[in-house]
Amino acid sequence: MELDARKLGILKAIIDEYIMSASPVGSRAISKHEEFNLSSATIRNEMADLEELGYLEQPHTSAGRVPSDKAYRLYVDRMMQRAALSDDEIKLIRAHMSAKLDEVESVMKQTAQALSAVTNYTAMVMPPMLAANRLRHIQLVPLREGRALVVIVTTTGFARDAIIRVPEEIRSGELERISRILTERFYDCRMDHIGEMIAKEMSGELYERRAFLCSVVEAIERKMEPDSPNVQLSGTNNMLHYPEYSDVNKAKTFLAAVEGRNMLYDMLKRASKLEFSITIGNENEDEMFKDCSIVTATYQVGEEPLGSFGIIGPTRMNYGKVISVLEYMRRSLSEVLSADQDED
């Protein structure tokens, strides 16, 4: 059986209708579409064929049909049209992002809130990965005897610190000198290259401090991954407003899934390798998200991908709207982070 142009048109109409109504779609509703000019009986036959092909499902014997995950995948790949954002939606995003955001955590929080407010779905945002950031400053701060604080600040304002041991012969003045040398020589170097670059310097001016520099490198590399993966969430309860989640067990499963921040962090980290990704229903690896669709986008500074963010919603998600929102937001977020870098 062939999926011809008429079947494709009918399937698209059913998906569009179901996204808006959340109610099974019958042949009578589709026959009213002027572009088809077909009887209810003809539409019914075509819907039966689409069901046989695996694109439609019938939840109840006497009910209309609903799209399957296979139908949504076809829709996203071949039929979806991106929706233009309204002036009010753009203003809402800008209102969240226009405030002076001095800390990366504030930027991530505002991004999540803007995404959930505009889409009415659940938003998740991963902070910039330290490994993909570039160095702005390294400072070795003397603490109590035999200890120093290594403070790492990146060009996006991302800061990390770690405590290391300091040999007795290295005084505060020497720590300041090493800090200055490291900052001058490795400014704008990717953080995941810092260790290798410092190792090369150990044969030059800093050779006599090579053992100490090894401990600095180890401290930096330990901080490449956060101790507890952090994901900013917003709009978790938005999903409970959709009829799909009126079932208590389904709602509990979703809430439990988004509480697992490690799971979301791993998901977003994998997504950072792609400009956009869309996983629908059973395409999701974790069973807890089998009733959801997840759309993610990657943000960057210049050509450097830094992290990702995304939307979790029901499989009847308004994909065209979500993709447009994520595209606008990835540009806005990249501009905010780039502006922070330019002010340095």
Protein backbone atom coordinates (compact mmCIF):
# COMPACT_ATOMS: atom_id res chain seq x y z
CA MET A 1 0.00 0.00 0.00
CA GLU A 2 1.41 3.39 -1.02
CA LEU A 3 1.52 6.55 1.08
CA ASP A 4 0.40 8.89 -1.71
CA ALA A 5 -0.13 12.64 -1.69
CA ARG A 6 -3.79 12.35 -0.62
CA LYS A 7 -2.96 10.13 2.33
CA LEU A 8 -0.14 12.50 3.33
CA GLY A 9 -2.51 15.47 3.21
CA ILE A 10 -5.12 13.68 5.30
CA LEU A 11 -2.50 12.54 7.82
CA LYS A 12 -1.16 16.08 8.18
CA ALA A 13 -4.68 17.40 8.74
CA ILE A 14 -5.31 14.75 11.42
CA ILE A 15 -2.03 15.56 13.20
CA ASP A 16 -2.68 19.33 13.10
CA GLU A 17 -6.21 18.77 14.41
CA TYR A 18 -5.07 16.47 17.21
CA ILE A 19 -2.26 18.81 18.30
CA MET A 20 -4.87 21.54 18.79
CA SER A 21 -7.72 19.50 20.30
CA ALA A 22 -6.16 16.50 22.08
CA SER A 23 -9.30 14.60 21.04
CA PRO A 24 -9.39 11.63 18.63
CA VAL A 25 -10.08 12.88 15.12
CA GLY A 26 -12.98 11.46 13.07
CA SER A 27 -13.55 11.37 9.32
CA ARG A 28 -16.35 13.94 9.57
CA ALA A 29 -13.98 16.61 10.95
CA ILE A 30 -11.47 16.03 8.15
CA SER A 31 -14.13 15.97 5.41
CA LYS A 32 -14.99 19.57 6.32
CA HIS A 33 -11.54 20.71 5.16
CA GLU A 34 -12.13 22.48 1.85
CA GLU A 35 -8.85 21.37 0.29
CA PHE A 36 -9.94 17.72 0.24
CA ASN A 37 -13.45 17.88 -1.23
CA LEU A 38 -13.95 14.24 -0.20
CA SER A 39 -16.86 12.43 1.43
CA SER A 40 -16.69 11.13 4.99
CA ALA A 41 -16.76 7.58 3.61
CA THR A 42 -13.71 8.22 1.42
CA ILE A 43 -11.86 9.86 4.33
CA ARG A 44 -12.79 6.86 6.49
CA ASN A 45 -11.26 4.46 3.98
CA GLU A 46 -8.07 6.51 3.79
CA MET A 47 -7.85 6.63 7.59
CA ALA A 48 -8.25 2.86 7.71
CA ASP A 49 -5.34 2.55 5.29
CA LEU A 50 -3.23 4.94 7.40
CA GLU A 51 -4.02 2.86 10.46
CA GLU A 52 -2.93 -0.29 8.63
CA LEU A 53 0.32 1.46 7.66
CA GLY A 54 0.97 2.25 11.33
CA TYR A 55 0.44 6.02 11.17
CA LEU A 56 -2.86 6.13 13.07
CA GLU A 57 -4.19 4.42 16.19
CA GLN A 58 -7.76 3.99 17.40
CA PRO A 59 -7.90 4.30 21.20
CA HIS A 60 -11.54 3.08 21.36
CA THR A 61 -13.66 1.09 18.93
CA SER A 62 -16.15 3.88 18.25
CA ALA A 63 -13.70 6.79 18.57
CA GLY A 64 -11.73 8.66 15.96
CA ARG A 65 -8.03 8.14 15.36
CA VAL A 66 -4.91 9.60 16.95
CA PRO A 67 -1.44 9.88 15.38
CA SER A 68 1.22 7.30 16.28
CA ASP A 69 4.86 8.05 17.07
CA LYS A 70 5.59 6.95 13.49
CA ALA A 71 3.19 9.63 12.23
CA TYR A 72 4.80 12.36 14.32
CA ARG A 73 8.23 11.36 13.00
CA LEU A 74 6.98 11.64 9.42
CA TYR A 75 5.34 14.96 10.29
CA VAL A 76 8.55 16.39 11.77
CA ASP A 77 10.75 15.13 8.94
CA ARG A 78 8.53 15.98 5.94
CA MET A 79 5.46 18.06 6.76
CA MET A 80 6.16 20.40 9.67
CA GLN A 81 6.35 24.13 9.04
CA ARG A 82 8.07 26.41 11.51
CA ALA A 83 5.70 28.90 13.13
CA ALA A 84 6.59 32.59 13.24
CA LEU A 85 6.81 33.96 16.78
CA SER A 86 4.36 36.70 17.65
CA ASP A 87 5.50 40.14 18.80
CA ASP A 88 4.24 39.32 22.31
CA GLU A 89 6.26 36.09 22.42
CA ILE A 90 9.42 37.91 21.31
CA LYS A 91 8.82 40.61 23.92
CA LEU A 92 8.38 37.95 26.60
CA ILE A 93 11.69 36.29 25.71
CA ARG A 94 13.50 39.64 25.56
CA ALA A 95 12.05 40.67 28.92
CA HIS A 96 13.65 37.60 30.51
CA MET A 97 16.98 38.05 28.72
CA SER A 98 17.36 41.84 28.84
CA ALA A 99 18.14 42.08 32.56
CA LYS A 100 21.78 42.49 33.53
CA LEU A 101 22.77 38.90 34.17
CA ASP A 102 26.19 38.85 35.83
CA GLU A 103 26.33 35.14 36.65
CA VAL A 104 26.00 32.16 34.36
CA GLU A 105 23.53 30.57 36.76
CA SER A 106 21.22 33.61 36.41
CA VAL A 107 21.43 33.39 32.62
CA MET A 108 20.49 29.71 32.68
CA LYS A 109 17.60 30.32 35.07
CA GLN A 110 16.17 33.13 32.94
CA THR A 111 16.55 31.02 29.80
CA ALA A 112 14.58 28.16 31.35
CA GLN A 113 11.84 30.51 32.56
CA ALA A 114 11.54 32.18 29.15
CA LEU A 115 11.31 28.82 27.34
CA SER A 116 8.60 27.43 29.62
CA ALA A 117 6.62 30.69 29.57
CA VAL A 118 6.52 30.90 25.76
CA THR A 119 5.94 27.20 24.99
CA ASN A 120 3.84 26.19 28.04
CA TYR A 121 5.91 23.00 28.24
CA THR A 122 8.71 21.97 30.61
CA ALA A 123 12.07 23.61 29.89
CA MET A 124 15.53 22.33 30.82
CA VAL A 125 18.85 24.17 30.41
CA MET A 126 22.36 22.82 30.90
CA PRO A 127 25.04 25.37 31.95
CA PRO A 128 28.09 25.78 29.68
CA MET A 129 30.37 22.78 29.83
CA LEU A 130 33.65 23.86 31.40
CA ALA A 131 35.65 21.78 28.92
CA ALA A 132 34.22 23.77 25.99
CA ASN A 133 34.78 27.17 27.65
CA ARG A 134 37.88 29.28 27.09
CA LEU A 135 40.13 30.58 29.82
CA ARG A 136 39.85 34.14 30.99
CA HIS A 137 41.82 33.99 34.21
CA ILE A 138 43.62 31.63 36.60
CA GLN A 139 44.29 32.89 40.11
CA LEU A 140 46.19 31.04 42.84
CA VAL A 141 44.98 32.45 46.15
CA PRO A 142 47.03 31.61 49.29
CA LEU A 143 44.99 30.15 52.15
CA ARG A 144 46.24 28.73 55.42
CA GLU A 145 49.76 27.36 55.44
CA GLY A 146 50.36 24.71 52.81
CA ARG A 147 47.13 25.35 50.88
CA ALA A 148 45.98 27.53 47.99
CA LEU A 149 42.73 28.07 46.14
CA VAL A 150 42.83 27.63 42.37
CA VAL A 151 40.19 29.95 40.86
CA ILE A 152 39.32 29.37 37.17
CA VAL A 153 37.22 31.96 35.31
CA THR A 154 36.19 31.46 31.69
CA THR A 155 35.25 33.90 28.94
CA THR A 156 31.54 33.25 29.57
CA GLY A 157 31.87 34.17 33.23
CA PHE A 158 31.80 30.53 34.35
CA ALA A 159 33.86 30.14 37.55
CA ARG A 160 35.24 27.08 39.31
CA ASP A 161 37.60 26.65 42.22
CA ALA A 162 39.56 23.91 43.95
CA ILE A 163 41.96 23.66 46.91
CA ILE A 164 45.49 22.30 46.31
CA ARG A 165 48.60 21.72 48.39
CA VAL A 166 51.42 24.25 48.11
CA PRO A 167 55.11 23.42 48.84
CA GLU A 168 56.59 25.40 51.74
CA GLU A 169 59.04 27.29 49.54
CA ILE A 170 56.28 28.80 47.36
CA ARG A 171 55.15 32.07 48.94
CA SER A 172 52.25 34.36 48.05
CA GLY A 173 54.40 36.46 45.70
CA GLU A 174 55.38 33.35 43.74
CA LEU A 175 51.74 32.25 43.53
CA GLU A 176 50.88 35.65 42.06
CA ARG A 177 53.72 35.35 39.52
CA ILE A 178 52.58 31.88 38.41
CA SER A 179 48.97 33.10 38.17
CA ARG A 180 50.05 35.97 35.92
CA ILE A 181 52.15 33.74 33.65
CA LEU A 182 49.41 31.11 33.28
CA THR A 183 46.74 33.72 32.55
CA GLU A 184 48.87 35.60 29.99
CA ARG A 185 50.00 32.50 28.13
CA PHE A 186 46.76 30.54 28.11
CA TYR A 187 44.12 33.26 27.80
CA ASP A 188 41.38 32.14 25.37
CA CYS A 189 42.66 28.54 25.35
CA ARG A 190 39.95 25.87 25.53
CA MET A 191 39.74 24.48 29.04
CA ASP A 192 40.11 20.88 27.87
CA HIS A 193 43.46 21.85 26.27
CA ILE A 194 44.85 23.70 29.30
CA GLY A 195 46.46 20.66 30.90
CA GLU A 196 48.35 19.74 27.75
CA MET A 197 49.46 23.35 27.19
CA ILE A 198 50.69 23.79 30.76
CA ALA A 199 52.60 20.50 30.52
CA LYS A 200 54.54 21.92 27.57
CA GLU A 201 55.49 25.01 29.58
CA MET A 202 57.06 22.87 32.30
CA SER A 203 60.20 22.59 30.21
CA GLY A 204 60.63 26.37 30.07
CA GLU A 205 60.39 29.20 32.57
CA LEU A 206 58.19 27.17 34.93
CA TYR A 207 60.33 24.03 34.85
CA GLU A 208 61.34 24.37 38.51
CA ARG A 209 57.69 24.42 39.51
CA ARG A 210 56.66 21.41 37.40
CA ALA A 211 55.54 19.27 40.38
CA PHE A 212 53.34 22.10 41.66
CA LEU A 213 51.97 22.78 38.18
CA CYS A 214 50.99 19.13 37.89
CA SER A 215 48.78 19.58 40.94
CA VAL A 216 47.24 22.71 39.35
CA VAL A 217 46.50 20.73 36.16
CA GLU A 218 44.95 17.89 38.17
CA ALA A 219 42.72 20.37 40.00
CA ILE A 220 41.55 21.87 36.70
CA GLU A 221 40.85 18.49 35.14
CA ARG A 222 38.87 17.37 38.20
CA LYS A 223 36.62 20.38 37.68
CA MET A 224 35.87 19.66 34.03
CA GLU A 225 32.70 17.87 35.16
CA PRO A 226 30.53 19.25 37.98
CA ASP A 227 30.37 17.25 41.21
CA SER A 228 26.58 17.15 40.93
CA PRO A 229 25.32 17.73 37.37
CA ASN A 230 23.12 20.81 37.39
CA VAL A 231 20.16 21.38 35.10
CA GLN A 232 17.89 24.41 35.39
CA LEU A 233 14.23 23.38 35.15
CA SER A 234 11.17 25.54 34.66
CA GLY A 235 7.51 24.79 34.02
CA THR A 236 7.50 21.27 35.45
CA ASN A 237 3.84 21.61 36.38
CA ASN A 238 2.93 22.82 32.88
CA MET A 239 2.65 19.21 31.74
CA LEU A 240 -0.04 18.49 34.32
CA HIS A 241 -2.36 20.90 32.49
CA TYR A 242 -2.49 18.63 29.43
CA PRO A 243 -5.21 15.95 29.30
CA GLU A 244 -2.60 13.28 28.55
CA TYR A 245 -1.37 13.68 32.12
CA SER A 246 -4.73 13.66 33.88
CA ASP A 247 -3.91 10.04 34.69
CA VAL A 248 -2.28 10.14 38.14
CA ASN A 249 0.22 7.37 37.42
CA LYS A 250 1.37 9.01 34.19
CA ALA A 251 1.76 12.36 35.98
CA LYS A 252 3.79 10.74 38.77
CA THR A 253 6.04 9.03 36.23
CA PHE A 254 6.74 12.33 34.48
CA LEU A 255 7.46 14.21 37.72
CA ALA A 256 9.80 11.45 38.86
CA ALA A 257 11.59 11.56 35.49
CA VAL A 258 12.34 15.28 35.56
CA GLU A 259 13.48 15.10 39.18
CA GLY A 260 16.34 12.88 38.00
CA ARG A 261 18.71 15.74 37.14
CA ASN A 262 21.57 13.37 36.31
CA MET A 263 19.42 11.77 33.62
CA LEU A 264 18.52 15.15 32.12
CA TYR A 265 22.14 16.32 32.27
CA ASP A 266 23.34 13.24 30.40
CA MET A 267 20.59 13.74 27.82
CA LEU A 268 21.54 17.38 27.25
CA LYS A 269 25.23 16.58 27.14
CA ARG A 270 24.64 14.07 24.33
CA ALA A 271 22.43 16.61 22.56
CA SER A 272 25.25 19.19 22.60
CA LYS A 273 26.80 17.37 19.65
CA LEU A 274 23.79 18.30 17.46
CA GLU A 275 22.42 21.67 16.43
CA PHE A 276 18.86 20.41 17.00
CA SER A 277 17.46 17.05 18.03
CA ILE A 278 13.90 15.73 18.26
CA THR A 279 13.03 12.43 19.94
CA ILE A 280 9.42 11.28 19.92
CA GLY A 281 7.73 8.86 22.32
CA ASN A 282 9.32 5.43 22.01
CA GLU A 283 12.43 6.92 20.42
CA ASN A 284 13.43 8.12 23.89
CA GLU A 285 15.89 5.77 25.54
CA ASP A 286 14.45 6.08 29.03
CA GLU A 287 11.12 4.36 29.68
CA MET A 288 9.98 7.30 31.82
CA PHE A 289 9.89 9.53 28.73
CA LYS A 290 8.07 7.13 26.38
CA ASP A 291 4.95 9.32 26.47
CA CYS A 292 6.90 12.53 25.79
CA SER A 293 8.66 14.32 22.98
CA ILE A 294 11.94 16.06 23.69
CA VAL A 295 13.35 18.82 21.47
CA THR A 296 16.82 20.22 22.16
CA ALA A 297 19.09 22.88 20.69
CA THR A 298 22.76 23.74 21.18
CA TYR A 299 23.98 27.23 22.09
CA GLN A 300 27.45 28.52 21.38
CA VAL A 301 29.85 31.46 21.48
CA GLY A 302 31.34 32.07 18.04
CA GLU A 303 31.79 28.64 16.51
CA GLU A 304 32.24 26.90 19.86
CA PRO A 305 29.28 24.80 21.16
CA LEU A 306 29.00 25.34 24.91
CA GLY A 307 25.92 23.44 26.03
CA SER A 308 22.31 22.69 25.21
CA PHE A 309 18.75 23.28 26.34
CA GLY A 310 15.43 21.78 25.48
CA ILE A 311 11.71 21.33 25.83
CA ILE A 312 9.80 18.31 27.16
CA GLY A 313 6.17 18.04 26.13
CA PRO A 314 3.48 15.57 25.10
CA THR A 315 4.00 13.76 21.78
CA ARG A 316 1.28 15.97 20.27
CA MET A 317 3.62 18.90 20.86
CA ASN A 318 3.38 21.93 18.60
CA TYR A 319 6.71 21.07 16.95
CA GLY A 320 6.77 24.00 14.51
CA LYS A 321 6.30 26.48 17.35
CA VAL A 322 8.85 24.78 19.62
CA ILE A 323 11.57 24.69 16.94
CA SER A 324 11.05 28.41 16.24
CA VAL A 325 11.26 29.26 19.95
CA LEU A 326 14.45 27.22 20.41
CA GLU A 327 16.04 28.80 17.34
CA TYR A 328 15.28 32.30 18.62
CA MET A 329 16.44 31.42 22.12
CA ARG A 330 19.72 29.84 21.00
CA ARG A 331 20.59 33.08 19.20
CA SER A 332 19.57 35.17 22.21
CA LEU A 333 21.53 33.02 24.65
CA SER A 334 24.62 33.04 22.43
CA GLU A 335 24.39 36.85 22.23
CA VAL A 336 24.14 37.19 26.02
CA LEU A 337 27.17 34.97 26.57
CA SER A 338 29.13 36.67 23.78
CA ALA A 339 28.34 40.10 25.24
CA ASP A 340 29.78 38.97 28.57
CA GLN A 341 32.93 37.92 26.76
CA ASP A 342 33.19 41.23 24.85
CA GLU A 343 32.96 43.23 28.06
CA ASP A 344 36.06 41.53 29.41
